[in-house]
C-alpha cells in the first residue's frame, strides 16, 4: 500500500492519499506525489528508503529536503547488530 501522510506546522496529521499496488514503482509514487491536493510547498520528506520513492519525491518537489525515517533506520540497524553479535559469539 502506498500512503502519503501530511503533517502541518501545528503537528496535525492527515492521510492525503493511499493506493494499493502490486509492486513498488517510481511511476506510481511520482503520480501520487504530483496529484493536486492544494499543497503549496513541501519542506521535508521523511521516507523509509523504498525503491523509487526518493527519486520521485525529488522530481516532484525540487526544493524539499529528504530525511530517512529514523524508526525504520534503527530497526534495520538493530537487525544488523543482532546478526553481527551472533557471528561474533558463534551462535
Foldseek 3Di string as FASTA:
>chain_A
DDWDWDQDPVRDIDTPDDDDDDDDDLVVLLVVLQPDPPDDADAEAEEAPPPNNVVSVCVNHVRHYYHYHPVSVVVVVVVVVVVVVCVVVVD
